C-alpha atoms as a PDB file:
ATOM      1  CA  MET A   1       7.016  10.142  25.870  1.00  0.00           C
ATOM      2  CA  ALA A   2       5.284  12.318  23.328  1.00  0.00           C
ATOM      3  CA  PHE A   3       7.049  10.853  20.535  1.00  0.00           C
ATOM      4  CA  ILE A   4       5.738   7.398  21.358  1.00  0.00           C
ATOM      5  CA  ASP A   5       2.303   8.474  21.771  1.00  0.00           C
ATOM      6  CA  ILE A   6       2.453  10.428  18.151  1.00  0.00           C
ATOM      7  CA  PHE A   7       3.967   7.263  16.652  1.00  0.00           C
ATOM      8  CA  ALA A   8       1.197   4.975  18.433  1.00  0.00           C
ATOM      9  CA  TRP A   9      -1.651   7.121  16.879  1.00  0.00           C
ATOM     10  CA  ILE A  10       0.369   7.254  13.342  1.00  0.00           C
ATOM     11  CA  VAL A  11       0.275   3.264  13.562  1.00  0.00           C
ATOM     12  CA  LEU A  12      -3.233   3.025  14.563  1.00  0.00           C
ATOM     13  CA  LEU A  13      -4.416   5.325  11.721  1.00  0.00           C
ATOM     14  CA  VAL A  14      -2.334   3.239   9.089  1.00  0.00           C
ATOM     15  CA  LEU A  15      -4.108   0.146  10.425  1.00  0.00           C
ATOM     16  CA  ILE A  16      -7.350   1.770  10.161  1.00  0.00           C
ATOM     17  CA  VAL A  17      -6.706   2.902   6.594  1.00  0.00           C
ATOM     18  CA  THR A  18      -5.621  -0.355   5.621  1.00  0.00           C
ATOM     19  CA  GLY A  19      -8.488  -2.290   7.079  1.00  0.00           C
ATOM     20  CA  VAL A  20     -10.879   0.034   5.221  1.00  0.00           C
ATOM     21  CA  GLY A  21      -8.957  -0.422   1.917  1.00  0.00           C
ATOM     22  CA  ILE A  22      -8.927  -4.196   2.262  1.00  0.00           C
ATOM     23  CA  PHE A  23     -12.618  -4.086   2.973  1.00  0.00           C
ATOM     24  CA  VAL A  24     -13.377  -2.103  -0.105  1.00  0.00           C
ATOM     25  CA  ALA A  25     -11.173  -4.304  -2.167  1.00  0.00           C
ATOM     26  CA  LEU A  26     -12.843  -7.324  -1.070  1.00  0.00           C
ATOM     27  CA  GLY A  27     -16.341  -5.722  -1.743  1.00  0.00           C
ATOM     28  CA  MET A  28     -15.359  -4.846  -5.214  1.00  0.00           C
ATOM     29  CA  MET A  29     -13.436  -7.873  -6.381  1.00  0.00           C
ATOM     30  CA  PRO A  30     -16.285 -10.352  -7.412  1.00  0.00           C
ATOM     31  CA  GLY A  31     -18.284  -7.538  -9.222  1.00  0.00           C
ATOM     32  CA  ARG A  32     -15.216  -6.701 -11.227  1.00  0.00           C
ATOM     33  CA  ILE A  33     -14.252 -10.204 -11.933  1.00  0.00           C
ATOM     34  CA  ALA A  34     -18.093 -11.045 -13.112  1.00  0.00           C
ATOM     35  CA  ARG A  35     -18.050  -7.957 -15.283  1.00  0.00           C
ATOM     36  CA  ARG A  36     -14.576  -8.791 -16.911  1.00  0.00           C
ATOM     37  CA  ARG A  37     -15.882 -12.476 -17.490  1.00  0.00           C
ATOM     38  CA  GLY A  38     -19.066 -11.289 -19.090  1.00  0.00           C
ATOM     39  CA  HIS A  39     -21.118 -12.727 -16.394  1.00  0.00           C
ATOM     40  CA  PRO A  40     -24.934 -12.376 -17.153  1.00  0.00           C
ATOM     41  CA  TRP A  41     -25.706 -10.724 -13.818  1.00  0.00           C
ATOM     42  CA  PRO A  42     -22.705  -8.673 -12.726  1.00  0.00           C
ATOM     43  CA  GLU A  43     -24.914  -6.401 -10.738  1.00  0.00           C
ATOM     44  CA  ALA A  44     -26.287  -8.929  -8.625  1.00  0.00           C
ATOM     45  CA  VAL A  45     -22.864 -10.443  -7.948  1.00  0.00           C
ATOM     46  CA  THR A  46     -21.603  -6.847  -6.773  1.00  0.00           C
ATOM     47  CA  VAL A  47     -24.699  -6.414  -4.451  1.00  0.00           C
ATOM     48  CA  GLY A  48     -24.101  -9.857  -3.279  1.00  0.00           C
ATOM     49  CA  SER A  49     -20.454  -9.228  -2.503  1.00  0.00           C
ATOM     50  CA  TRP A  50     -21.122  -6.104  -0.612  1.00  0.00           C
ATOM     51  CA  ALA A  51     -24.537  -7.551   1.382  1.00  0.00           C
ATOM     52  CA  THR A  52     -22.323 -10.537   2.536  1.00  0.00           C
ATOM     53  CA  LEU A  53     -19.277  -8.348   3.549  1.00  0.00           C
ATOM     54  CA  VAL A  54     -21.423  -6.022   5.758  1.00  0.00           C
ATOM     55  CA  PHE A  55     -23.529  -8.923   7.235  1.00  0.00           C
ATOM     56  CA  GLY A  56     -20.817 -11.235   8.338  1.00  0.00           C
ATOM     57  CA  PHE A  57     -18.534 -12.494   5.448  1.00  0.00           C
ATOM     58  CA  VAL A  58     -19.786 -15.968   5.697  1.00  0.00           C
ATOM     59  CA  PHE A  59     -21.182 -16.189   2.174  1.00  0.00           C
ATOM     60  CA  TRP A  60     -18.573 -14.070   0.406  1.00  0.00           C
ATOM     61  CA  PRO A  61     -16.610 -16.960  -0.855  1.00  0.00           C
ATOM     62  CA  LEU A  62     -19.888 -18.255  -2.549  1.00  0.00           C
ATOM     63  CA  VAL A  63     -20.249 -14.926  -4.290  1.00  0.00           C
ATOM     64  CA  LEU A  64     -16.756 -15.082  -5.385  1.00  0.00           C
ATOM     65  CA  ILE A  65     -17.190 -18.634  -6.948  1.00  0.00           C
ATOM     66  CA  TRP A  66     -20.629 -17.314  -8.350  1.00  0.00           C
ATOM     67  CA  ALA A  67     -18.571 -14.535 -10.061  1.00  0.00           C
ATOM     68  CA  TYR A  68     -16.394 -17.097 -11.964  1.00  0.00           C
ATOM     69  CA  VAL A  69     -19.446 -19.346 -12.907  1.00  0.00           C
ATOM     70  CA  ASP A  70     -19.930 -19.464 -16.857  1.00  0.00           C
ATOM     71  CA  VAL A  71     -23.575 -19.874 -17.592  1.00  0.00           C
ATOM     72  CA  PRO A  72     -23.952 -22.097 -20.710  1.00  0.00           C
ATOM     73  CA  ALA A  73     -25.560 -20.914 -23.762  1.00  0.00           C
ATOM     74  CA  ARG A  74     -29.140 -21.531 -24.218  1.00  0.00           C
ATOM     75  CA  ARG A  75     -29.370 -24.055 -26.892  1.00  0.00           C
ATOM     76  CA  ASP A  76     -32.468 -23.704 -29.499  1.00  0.00           C
ATOM     77  CA  THR A  77     -33.978 -27.199 -29.307  1.00  0.00           C
ATOM     78  CA  LEU A  78     -36.822 -26.447 -31.860  1.00  0.00           C
ATOM     79  CA  LYS A  79     -35.572 -25.965 -35.514  1.00  0.00           C
END
């Protein structure tokens, strides 16, 4: 019986570590994408990503889309 108990604790520990790793990876992903793509507000994307993950995950896909948005360059209309 002791072997089964130890195995159960190891499986539980692996599941917890995997869950924390996935949570951290999801929190970091939009910010890294925004920095790599040269987004004008990568810090805001990073904060938005962590905030939405901590407070419910509902708007996290929107933050991920925001990381991919290219802001068009401002045209100088007065020449």
